[in-house]
Amino acid sequence: MTDAATRAADLLIEQRGHIDNLDAILIYTLAERFKATQTVGKLKAENDLPPSDPKREANQIKRLQRLAEDANLDPEFAKKFLNFIISEVIRHHEEYQK
């Protein structure tokens, strides 16, 4: 293997390790977020509130799209990602209502 190929292989391993760490951060962050939304879902169920809050959801999507733009992340991707999370949260909240 040439020196350039060895350096490239080492850099690839380093970057993949970085990606693995970021993936772990994402998973643990999502777990914490869902713990918080479970508390909200139970509170809504106990107080006969609807599982969905369309106004807040729309505001959150706009806010996260702005954050995505600031972070140089595609705002449409951020919107799709948040919509997926919101749909899961609402599904969980609906379970509490039963």
PDB file of N, CA and C in Angstrom:
ATOM      1  N   MET A   1       0.855  -1.179   0.000  1.00  0.00           N
ATOM      2  CA  MET A   1       0.000   0.000   0.000  1.00  0.00           C
ATOM      3  C   MET A   1       0.899   1.241   0.000  1.00  0.00           C
ATOM      4  N   THR A   2       0.557   2.222  -0.818  1.00  0.00           N
ATOM      5  CA  THR A   2       1.347   3.449  -0.878  1.00  0.00           C
ATOM      6  C   THR A   2       1.074   4.293   0.354  1.00  0.00           C
ATOM      7  N   ASP A   3       1.956   5.263   0.587  1.00  0.00           N
ATOM      8  CA  ASP A   3       1.773   6.165   1.727  1.00  0.00           C
ATOM      9  C   ASP A   3       0.441   6.917   1.622  1.00  0.00           C
ATOM     10  N   ALA A   4       0.097   7.331   0.419  1.00  0.00           N
ATOM     11  CA  ALA A   4      -1.163   8.054   0.210  1.00  0.00           C
ATOM     12  C   ALA A   4      -2.353   7.147   0.507  1.00  0.00           C
ATOM     13  N   ALA A   5      -2.283   5.915   0.064  1.00  0.00           N
ATOM     14  CA  ALA A   5      -3.380   4.973   0.314  1.00  0.00           C
ATOM     15  C   ALA A   5      -3.484   4.653   1.805  1.00  0.00           C
ATOM     16  N   THR A   6      -2.353   4.536   2.477  1.00  0.00           N
ATOM     17  CA  THR A   6      -2.358   4.281   3.922  1.00  0.00           C
ATOM     18  C   THR A   6      -2.969   5.463   4.665  1.00  0.00           C
ATOM     19  N   ARG A   7      -2.588   6.674   4.281  1.00  0.00           N
ATOM     20  CA  ARG A   7      -3.161   7.878   4.912  1.00  0.00           C
ATOM     21  C   ARG A   7      -4.665   7.948   4.658  1.00  0.00           C
ATOM     22  N   ALA A   8      -5.074   7.623   3.440  1.00  0.00           N
ATOM     23  CA  ALA A   8      -6.503   7.644   3.102  1.00  0.00           C
ATOM     24  C   ALA A   8      -7.257   6.598   3.920  1.00  0.00           C
ATOM     25  N   ALA A   9      -6.688   5.416   4.061  1.00  0.00           N
ATOM     26  CA  ALA A   9      -7.331   4.354   4.850  1.00  0.00           C
ATOM     27  C   ALA A   9      -7.441   4.767   6.310  1.00  0.00           C
ATOM     28  N   ASP A  10      -6.391   5.375   6.846  1.00  0.00           N
ATOM     29  CA  ASP A  10      -6.417   5.840   8.238  1.00  0.00           C
ATOM     30  C   ASP A  10      -7.459   6.937   8.431  1.00  0.00           C
ATOM     31  N   LEU A  11      -7.531   7.849   7.491  1.00  0.00           N
ATOM     32  CA  LEU A  11      -8.514   8.936   7.557  1.00  0.00           C
ATOM     33  C   LEU A  11      -9.929   8.389   7.459  1.00  0.00           C
ATOM     34  N   LEU A  12     -10.121   7.395   6.616  1.00  0.00           N
ATOM     35  CA  LEU A  12     -11.429   6.764   6.477  1.00  0.00           C
ATOM     36  C   LEU A  12     -11.857   6.125   7.797  1.00  0.00           C
ATOM     37  N   ILE A  13     -10.963   5.409   8.436  1.00  0.00           N
ATOM     38  CA  ILE A  13     -11.255   4.796   9.737  1.00  0.00           C
ATOM     39  C   ILE A  13     -11.592   5.869  10.767  1.00  0.00           C
ATOM     40  N   GLU A  14     -10.820   6.947  10.771  1.00  0.00           N
ATOM     41  CA  GLU A  14     -11.063   8.049  11.710  1.00  0.00           C
ATOM     42  C   GLU A  14     -12.435   8.677  11.487  1.00  0.00           C
ATOM     43  N   GLN A  15     -12.769   8.954  10.243  1.00  0.00           N
ATOM     44  CA  GLN A  15     -14.055   9.583   9.933  1.00  0.00           C
ATOM     45  C   GLN A  15     -15.230   8.652  10.248  1.00  0.00           C
ATOM     46  N   ARG A  16     -15.056   7.366   9.988  1.00  0.00           N
ATOM     47  CA  ARG A  16     -16.113   6.413  10.328  1.00  0.00           C
ATOM     48  C   ARG A  16     -16.308   6.329  11.835  1.00  0.00           C
ATOM     49  N   GLY A  17     -15.238   6.407  12.590  1.00  0.00           N
ATOM     50  CA  GLY A  17     -15.358   6.437  14.050  1.00  0.00           C
ATOM     51  C   GLY A  17     -16.121   7.672  14.508  1.00  0.00           C
ATOM     52  N   HIS A  18     -15.835   8.791  13.878  1.00  0.00           N
ATOM     53  CA  HIS A  18     -16.547  10.037  14.189  1.00  0.00           C
ATOM     54  C   HIS A  18     -18.035   9.896  13.876  1.00  0.00           C
ATOM     55  N   ILE A  19     -18.347   9.312  12.732  1.00  0.00           N
ATOM     56  CA  ILE A  19     -19.748   9.081  12.346  1.00  0.00           C
ATOM     57  C   ILE A  19     -20.428   8.163  13.352  1.00  0.00           C
ATOM     58  N   ASP A  20     -19.738   7.106  13.771  1.00  0.00           N
ATOM     59  CA  ASP A  20     -20.304   6.183  14.761  1.00  0.00           C
ATOM     60  C   ASP A  20     -20.630   6.907  16.061  1.00  0.00           C
ATOM     61  N   ASN A  21     -19.729   7.795  16.493  1.00  0.00           N
ATOM     62  CA  ASN A  21     -19.979   8.573  17.720  1.00  0.00           C
ATOM     63  C   ASN A  21     -21.183   9.489  17.552  1.00  0.00           C
ATOM     64  N   LEU A  22     -21.280  10.130  16.408  1.00  0.00           N
ATOM     65  CA  LEU A  22     -22.427  11.011  16.148  1.00  0.00           C
ATOM     66  C   LEU A  22     -23.732  10.225  16.102  1.00  0.00           C
ATOM     67  N   ASP A  23     -23.707   9.034  15.515  1.00  0.00           N
ATOM     68  CA  ASP A  23     -24.904   8.185  15.499  1.00  0.00           C
ATOM     69  C   ASP A  23     -25.338   7.838  16.921  1.00  0.00           C
ATOM     70  N   ALA A  24     -24.384   7.538  17.781  1.00  0.00           N
ATOM     71  CA  ALA A  24     -24.713   7.234  19.182  1.00  0.00           C
ATOM     72  C   ALA A  24     -25.333   8.457  19.858  1.00  0.00           C
ATOM     73  N   ILE A  25     -24.784   9.625  19.593  1.00  0.00           N
ATOM     74  CA  ILE A  25     -25.341  10.861  20.160  1.00  0.00           C
ATOM     75  C   ILE A  25     -26.781  11.047  19.695  1.00  0.00           C
ATOM     76  N   LEU A  26     -27.034  10.816  18.401  1.00  0.00           N
ATOM     77  CA  LEU A  26     -28.393  10.950  17.869  1.00  0.00           C
ATOM     78  C   LEU A  26     -29.356  10.007  18.586  1.00  0.00           C
ATOM     79  N   ILE A  27     -28.969   8.760  18.759  1.00  0.00           N
ATOM     80  CA  ILE A  27     -29.843   7.774  19.387  1.00  0.00           C
ATOM     81  C   ILE A  27     -30.134   8.152  20.833  1.00  0.00           C
ATOM     82  N   TYR A  28     -29.104   8.505  21.579  1.00  0.00           N
ATOM     83  CA  TYR A  28     -29.324   8.872  22.984  1.00  0.00           C
ATOM     84  C   TYR A  28     -30.118  10.168  23.110  1.00  0.00           C
ATOM     85  N   THR A  29     -29.904  11.103  22.185  1.00  0.00           N
ATOM     86  CA  THR A  29     -30.672  12.348  22.193  1.00  0.00           C
ATOM     87  C   THR A  29     -32.134  12.078  21.872  1.00  0.00           C
ATOM     88  N   LEU A  30     -32.383  11.223  20.893  1.00  0.00           N
ATOM     89  CA  LEU A  30     -33.769  10.860  20.579  1.00  0.00           C
ATOM     90  C   LEU A  30     -34.430  10.153  21.754  1.00  0.00           C
ATOM     91  N   ALA A  31     -33.692   9.295  22.437  1.00  0.00           N
ATOM     92  CA  ALA A  31     -34.247   8.608  23.607  1.00  0.00           C
ATOM     93  C   ALA A  31     -34.644   9.614  24.682  1.00  0.00           C
ATOM     94  N   GLU A  32     -33.811  10.604  24.924  1.00  0.00           N
ATOM     95  CA  GLU A  32     -34.138  11.645  25.909  1.00  0.00           C
ATOM     96  C   GLU A  32     -35.346  12.453  25.459  1.00  0.00           C
ATOM     97  N   ARG A  33     -35.416  12.755  24.186  1.00  0.00           N
ATOM     98  CA  ARG A  33     -36.560  13.517  23.668  1.00  0.00           C
ATOM     99  C   ARG A  33     -37.848  12.732  23.860  1.00  0.00           C
ATOM    100  N   PHE A  34     -37.820  11.443  23.565  1.00  0.00           N
ATOM    101  CA  PHE A  34     -39.024  10.635  23.721  1.00  0.00           C
ATOM    102  C   PHE A  34     -39.409  10.462  25.187  1.00  0.00           C
ATOM    103  N   LYS A  35     -38.435  10.458  26.094  1.00  0.00           N
ATOM    104  CA  LYS A  35     -38.774  10.432  27.523  1.00  0.00           C
ATOM    105  C   LYS A  35     -39.558  11.693  27.894  1.00  0.00           C
ATOM    106  N   ALA A  36     -39.111  12.830  27.381  1.00  0.00           N
ATOM    107  CA  ALA A  36     -39.801  14.095  27.663  1.00  0.00           C
ATOM    108  C   ALA A  36     -41.190  14.102  27.049  1.00  0.00           C
ATOM    109  N   THR A  37     -41.325  13.594  25.824  1.00  0.00           N
ATOM    110  CA  THR A  37     -42.645  13.609  25.189  1.00  0.00           C
ATOM    111  C   THR A  37     -43.584  12.587  25.836  1.00  0.00           C
ATOM    112  N   GLN A  38     -43.032  11.542  26.449  1.00  0.00           N
ATOM    113  CA  GLN A  38     -43.884  10.604  27.196  1.00  0.00           C
ATOM    114  C   GLN A  38     -44.536  11.326  28.375  1.00  0.00           C
ATOM    115  N   THR A  39     -43.763  12.154  29.047  1.00  0.00           N
ATOM    116  CA  THR A  39     -44.308  12.927  30.164  1.00  0.00           C
ATOM    117  C   THR A  39     -45.410  13.844  29.670  1.00  0.00           C
ATOM    118  N   VAL A  40     -45.183  14.504  28.537  1.00  0.00           N
ATOM    119  CA  VAL A  40     -46.192  15.390  27.952  1.00  0.00           C
ATOM    120  C   VAL A  40     -47.437  14.585  27.574  1.00  0.00           C
ATOM    121  N   GLY A  41     -47.249  13.432  26.966  1.00  0.00           N
ATOM    122  CA  GLY A  41     -48.382  12.595  26.555  1.00  0.00           C
ATOM    123  C   GLY A  41     -49.231  12.158  27.735  1.00  0.00           C
ATOM    124  N   LYS A  42     -48.576  11.777  28.817  1.00  0.00           N
ATOM    125  CA  LYS A  42     -49.315  11.369  30.018  1.00  0.00           C
ATOM    126  C   LYS A  42     -50.069  12.557  30.612  1.00  0.00           C
ATOM    127  N   LEU A  43     -49.431  13.717  30.625  1.00  0.00           N
ATOM    128  CA  LEU A  43     -50.082  14.927  31.127  1.00  0.00           C
ATOM    129  C   LEU A  43     -51.305  15.270  30.284  1.00  0.00           C
ATOM    130  N   LYS A  44     -51.176  15.161  28.976  1.00  0.00           N
ATOM    131  CA  LYS A  44     -52.313  15.427  28.084  1.00  0.00           C
ATOM    132  C   LYS A  44     -53.447  14.439  28.352  1.00  0.00           C
ATOM    133  N   ALA A  45     -53.103  13.170  28.494  1.00  0.00           N
ATOM    134  CA  ALA A  45     -54.126  12.148  28.729  1.00  0.00           C
ATOM    135  C   ALA A  45     -54.841  12.379  30.056  1.00  0.00           C
ATOM    136  N   GLU A  46     -54.081  12.716  31.084  1.00  0.00           N
ATOM    137  CA  GLU A  46     -54.666  12.943  32.410  1.00  0.00           C
ATOM    138  C   GLU A  46     -55.581  14.156  32.444  1.00  0.00           C
ATOM    139  N   ASN A  47     -55.348  15.103  31.532  1.00  0.00           N
ATOM    140  CA  ASN A  47     -56.122  16.342  31.519  1.00  0.00           C
ATOM    141  C   ASN A  47     -57.032  16.454  30.306  1.00  0.00           C
ATOM    142  N   ASP A  48     -57.262  15.322  29.656  1.00  0.00           N
ATOM    143  CA  ASP A  48     -58.169  15.241  28.511  1.00  0.00           C
ATOM    144  C   ASP A  48     -57.842  16.269  27.424  1.00  0.00           C
ATOM    145  N   LEU A  49     -56.543  16.401  27.138  1.00  0.00           N
ATOM    146  CA  LEU A  49     -56.089  17.291  26.081  1.00  0.00           C
ATOM    147  C   LEU A  49     -55.813  16.464  24.823  1.00  0.00           C
ATOM    148  N   PRO A  50     -55.957  17.059  23.660  1.00  0.00           N
ATOM    149  CA  PRO A  50     -55.735  16.293  22.422  1.00  0.00           C
ATOM    150  C   PRO A  50     -54.270  15.861  22.299  1.00  0.00           C
ATOM    151  N   PRO A  51     -54.039  14.715  21.677  1.00  0.00           N
ATOM    152  CA  PRO A  51     -52.669  14.224  21.541  1.00  0.00           C
ATOM    153  C   PRO A  51     -51.805  15.058  20.594  1.00  0.00           C
ATOM    154  N   SER A  52     -52.441  15.831  19.745  1.00  0.00           N
ATOM    155  CA  SER A  52     -51.720  16.637  18.767  1.00  0.00           C
ATOM    156  C   SER A  52     -51.961  18.120  19.023  1.00  0.00           C
ATOM    157  N   ASP A  53     -50.947  18.932  18.749  1.00  0.00           N
ATOM    158  CA  ASP A  53     -51.054  20.391  18.859  1.00  0.00           C
ATOM    159  C   ASP A  53     -50.513  20.984  17.554  1.00  0.00           C
ATOM    160  N   PRO A  54     -51.375  21.049  16.516  1.00  0.00           N
ATOM    161  CA  PRO A  54     -50.907  21.461  15.191  1.00  0.00           C
ATOM    162  C   PRO A  54     -50.192  22.812  15.156  1.00  0.00           C
ATOM    163  N   LYS A  55     -50.626  23.767  15.975  1.00  0.00           N
ATOM    164  CA  LYS A  55     -49.982  25.084  15.971  1.00  0.00           C
ATOM    165  C   LYS A  55     -48.543  24.972  16.475  1.00  0.00           C
ATOM    166  N   ARG A  56     -48.363  24.257  17.594  1.00  0.00           N
ATOM    167  CA  ARG A  56     -47.003  24.076  18.122  1.00  0.00           C
ATOM    168  C   ARG A  56     -46.142  23.292  17.129  1.00  0.00           C
ATOM    169  N   GLU A  57     -46.717  22.260  16.545  1.00  0.00           N
ATOM    170  CA  GLU A  57     -45.958  21.439  15.602  1.00  0.00           C
ATOM    171  C   GLU A  57     -45.483  22.281  14.420  1.00  0.00           C
ATOM    172  N   ALA A  58     -46.355  23.127  13.885  1.00  0.00           N
ATOM    173  CA  ALA A  58     -45.976  23.992  12.764  1.00  0.00           C
ATOM    174  C   ALA A  58     -44.877  24.969  13.182  1.00  0.00           C
ATOM    175  N   ASN A  59     -45.004  25.531  14.388  1.00  0.00           N
ATOM    176  CA  ASN A  59     -43.972  26.450  14.883  1.00  0.00           C
ATOM    177  C   ASN A  59     -42.634  25.730  15.068  1.00  0.00           C
ATOM    178  N   GLN A  60     -42.688  24.512  15.577  1.00  0.00           N
ATOM    179  CA  GLN A  60     -41.455  23.741  15.777  1.00  0.00           C
ATOM    180  C   GLN A  60     -40.784  23.432  14.440  1.00  0.00           C
ATOM    181  N   ILE A  61     -41.578  23.089  13.453  1.00  0.00           N
ATOM    182  CA  ILE A  61     -41.009  22.791  12.136  1.00  0.00           C
ATOM    183  C   ILE A  61     -40.326  24.030  11.573  1.00  0.00           C
ATOM    184  N   LYS A  62     -40.967  25.179  11.663  1.00  0.00           N
ATOM    185  CA  LYS A  62     -40.358  26.419  11.175  1.00  0.00           C
ATOM    186  C   LYS A  62     -39.078  26.729  11.934  1.00  0.00           C
ATOM    187  N   ARG A  63     -39.121  26.571  13.264  1.00  0.00           N
ATOM    188  CA  ARG A  63     -37.948  26.851  14.094  1.00  0.00           C
ATOM    189  C   ARG A  63     -36.782  25.933  13.718  1.00  0.00           C
ATOM    190  N   LEU A  64     -37.071  24.651  13.554  1.00  0.00           N
ATOM    191  CA  LEU A  64     -35.997  23.717  13.230  1.00  0.00           C
ATOM    192  C   LEU A  64     -35.497  23.888  11.796  1.00  0.00           C
ATOM    193  N   GLN A  65     -36.352  24.342  10.913  1.00  0.00           N
ATOM    194  CA  GLN A  65     -35.875  24.649   9.557  1.00  0.00           C
ATOM    195  C   GLN A  65     -34.889  25.821   9.602  1.00  0.00           C
ATOM    196  N   ARG A  66     -35.177  26.824  10.444  1.00  0.00           N
ATOM    197  CA  ARG A  66     -34.236  27.948  10.589  1.00  0.00           C
ATOM    198  C   ARG A  66     -32.917  27.462  11.183  1.00  0.00           C
ATOM    199  N   LEU A  67     -33.005  26.602  12.211  1.00  0.00           N
ATOM    200  CA  LEU A  67     -31.786  26.052  12.803  1.00  0.00           C
ATOM    201  C   LEU A  67     -30.998  25.249  11.767  1.00  0.00           C
ATOM    202  N   ALA A  68     -31.710  24.489  10.954  1.00  0.00           N
ATOM    203  CA  ALA A  68     -31.050  23.695   9.915  1.00  0.00           C
ATOM    204  C   ALA A  68     -30.311  24.608   8.937  1.00  0.00           C
ATOM    205  N   GLU A  69     -30.965  25.691   8.538  1.00  0.00           N
ATOM    206  CA  GLU A  69     -30.302  26.639   7.634  1.00  0.00           C
ATOM    207  C   GLU A  69     -29.042  27.194   8.272  1.00  0.00           C
ATOM    208  N   ASP A  70     -29.123  27.559   9.557  1.00  0.00           N
ATOM    209  CA  ASP A  70     -27.951  28.081  10.274  1.00  0.00           C
ATOM    210  C   ASP A  70     -26.829  27.052  10.347  1.00  0.00           C
ATOM    211  N   ALA A  71     -27.203  25.775  10.402  1.00  0.00           N
ATOM    212  CA  ALA A  71     -26.215  24.693  10.510  1.00  0.00           C
ATOM    213  C   ALA A  71     -25.790  24.144   9.152  1.00  0.00           C
ATOM    214  N   ASN A  72     -26.250  24.775   8.078  1.00  0.00           N
ATOM    215  CA  ASN A  72     -25.961  24.307   6.713  1.00  0.00           C
ATOM    216  C   ASN A  72     -26.476  22.893   6.470  1.00  0.00           C
ATOM    217  N   LEU A  73     -27.643  22.614   7.022  1.00  0.00           N
ATOM    218  CA  LEU A  73     -28.331  21.348   6.787  1.00  0.00           C
ATOM    219  C   LEU A  73     -29.569  21.657   5.953  1.00  0.00           C
ATOM    220  N   ASP A  74     -29.882  20.797   5.032  1.00  0.00           N
ATOM    221  CA  ASP A  74     -31.039  20.996   4.165  1.00  0.00           C
ATOM    222  C   ASP A  74     -32.299  21.156   5.020  1.00  0.00           C
ATOM    223  N   PRO A  75     -32.960  22.319   4.974  1.00  0.00           N
ATOM    224  CA  PRO A  75     -34.158  22.534   5.788  1.00  0.00           C
ATOM    225  C   PRO A  75     -35.303  21.583   5.454  1.00  0.00           C
ATOM    226  N   GLU A  76     -35.366  21.126   4.212  1.00  0.00           N
ATOM    227  CA  GLU A  76     -36.407  20.155   3.845  1.00  0.00           C
ATOM    228  C   GLU A  76     -36.152  18.815   4.515  1.00  0.00           C
ATOM    229  N   PHE A  77     -34.889  18.436   4.621  1.00  0.00           N
ATOM    230  CA  PHE A  77     -34.554  17.217   5.349  1.00  0.00           C
ATOM    231  C   PHE A  77     -34.957  17.365   6.806  1.00  0.00           C
ATOM    232  N   ALA A  78     -34.640  18.509   7.402  1.00  0.00           N
ATOM    233  CA  ALA A  78     -35.000  18.754   8.804  1.00  0.00           C
ATOM    234  C   ALA A  78     -36.515  18.664   8.987  1.00  0.00           C
ATOM    235  N   LYS A  79     -37.254  19.217   8.042  1.00  0.00           N
ATOM    236  CA  LYS A  79     -38.718  19.171   8.103  1.00  0.00           C
ATOM    237  C   LYS A  79     -39.222  17.733   8.045  1.00  0.00           C
ATOM    238  N   LYS A  80     -38.695  16.948   7.112  1.00  0.00           N
ATOM    239  CA  LYS A  80     -39.100  15.544   6.989  1.00  0.00           C
ATOM    240  C   LYS A  80     -38.758  14.766   8.256  1.00  0.00           C
ATOM    241  N   PHE A  81     -37.583  15.007   8.775  1.00  0.00           N
ATOM    242  CA  PHE A  81     -37.126  14.311   9.984  1.00  0.00           C
ATOM    243  C   PHE A  81     -38.029  14.659  11.164  1.00  0.00           C
ATOM    244  N   LEU A  82     -38.315  15.944  11.341  1.00  0.00           N
ATOM    245  CA  LEU A  82     -39.167  16.357  12.451  1.00  0.00           C
ATOM    246  C   LEU A  82     -40.592  15.855  12.267  1.00  0.00           C
ATOM    247  N   ASN A  83     -41.103  15.877  11.046  1.00  0.00           N
ATOM    248  CA  ASN A  83     -42.450  15.337  10.813  1.00  0.00           C
ATOM    249  C   ASN A  83     -42.536  13.868  11.200  1.00  0.00           C
ATOM    250  N   PHE A  84     -41.479  13.113  10.897  1.00  0.00           N
ATOM    251  CA  PHE A  84     -41.450  11.708  11.301  1.00  0.00           C
ATOM    252  C   PHE A  84     -41.477  11.585  12.820  1.00  0.00           C
ATOM    253  N   ILE A  85     -40.668  12.376  13.497  1.00  0.00           N
ATOM    254  CA  ILE A  85     -40.625  12.334  14.962  1.00  0.00           C
ATOM    255  C   ILE A  85     -41.986  12.733  15.535  1.00  0.00           C
ATOM    256  N   ILE A  86     -42.564  13.802  15.017  1.00  0.00           N
ATOM    257  CA  ILE A  86     -43.864  14.268  15.509  1.00  0.00           C
ATOM    258  C   ILE A  86     -44.925  13.192  15.323  1.00  0.00           C
ATOM    259  N   SER A  87     -44.916  12.522  14.181  1.00  0.00           N
ATOM    260  CA  SER A  87     -45.925  11.480  13.961  1.00  0.00           C
ATOM    261  C   SER A  87     -45.762  10.343  14.963  1.00  0.00           C
ATOM    262  N   GLU A  88     -44.536  10.006  15.320  1.00  0.00           N
ATOM    263  CA  GLU A  88     -44.300   8.973  16.335  1.00  0.00           C
ATOM    264  C   GLU A  88     -44.764   9.439  17.712  1.00  0.00           C
ATOM    265  N   VAL A  89     -44.487  10.675  18.040  1.00  0.00           N
ATOM    266  CA  VAL A  89     -44.908  11.230  19.332  1.00  0.00           C
ATOM    267  C   VAL A  89     -46.436  11.212  19.426  1.00  0.00           C
ATOM    268  N   ILE A  90     -47.110  11.663  18.383  1.00  0.00           N
ATOM    269  CA  ILE A  90     -48.579  11.684  18.383  1.00  0.00           C
ATOM    270  C   ILE A  90     -49.123  10.262  18.529  1.00  0.00           C
ATOM    271  N   ARG A  91     -48.502   9.319  17.842  1.00  0.00           N
ATOM    272  CA  ARG A  91     -48.935   7.919  17.959  1.00  0.00           C
ATOM    273  C   ARG A  91     -48.825   7.444  19.410  1.00  0.00           C
ATOM    274  N   HIS A  92     -47.724   7.803  20.061  1.00  0.00           N
ATOM    275  CA  HIS A  92     -47.557   7.441  21.475  1.00  0.00           C
ATOM    276  C   HIS A  92     -48.600   8.144  22.344  1.00  0.00           C
ATOM    277  N   HIS A  93     -48.834   9.414  22.066  1.00  0.00           N
ATOM    278  CA  HIS A  93     -49.828  10.165  22.849  1.00  0.00           C
ATOM    279  C   HIS A  93     -51.215   9.574  22.686  1.00  0.00           C
ATOM    280  N   GLU A  94     -51.527   9.129  21.484  1.00  0.00           N
ATOM    281  CA  GLU A  94     -52.838   8.503  21.262  1.00  0.00           C
ATOM    282  C   GLU A  94     -52.973   7.224  22.077  1.00  0.00           C
ATOM    283  N   GLU A  95     -51.882   6.510  22.266  1.00  0.00           N
ATOM    284  CA  GLU A  95     -51.916   5.289  23.089  1.00  0.00           C
ATOM    285  C   GLU A  95     -52.257   5.631  24.533  1.00  0.00           C
ATOM    286  N   TYR A  96     -51.763   6.735  25.021  1.00  0.00           N
ATOM    287  CA  TYR A  96     -52.065   7.151  26.398  1.00  0.00           C
ATOM    288  C   TYR A  96     -53.535   7.506  26.565  1.00  0.00           C
ATOM    289  N   GLN A  97     -54.162   7.939  25.464  1.00  0.00           N
ATOM    290  CA  GLN A  97     -55.565   8.360  25.516  1.00  0.00           C
ATOM    291  C   GLN A  97     -56.513   7.181  25.650  1.00  0.00           C
ATOM    292  N   LYS A  98     -56.021   5.975  25.346  1.00  0.00           N
ATOM    293  CA  LYS A  98     -56.904   4.792  25.357  1.00  0.00           C
ATOM    294  C   LYS A  98     -57.171   4.293  26.750  1.00  0.00           C
TER     295      LYS A  98
END
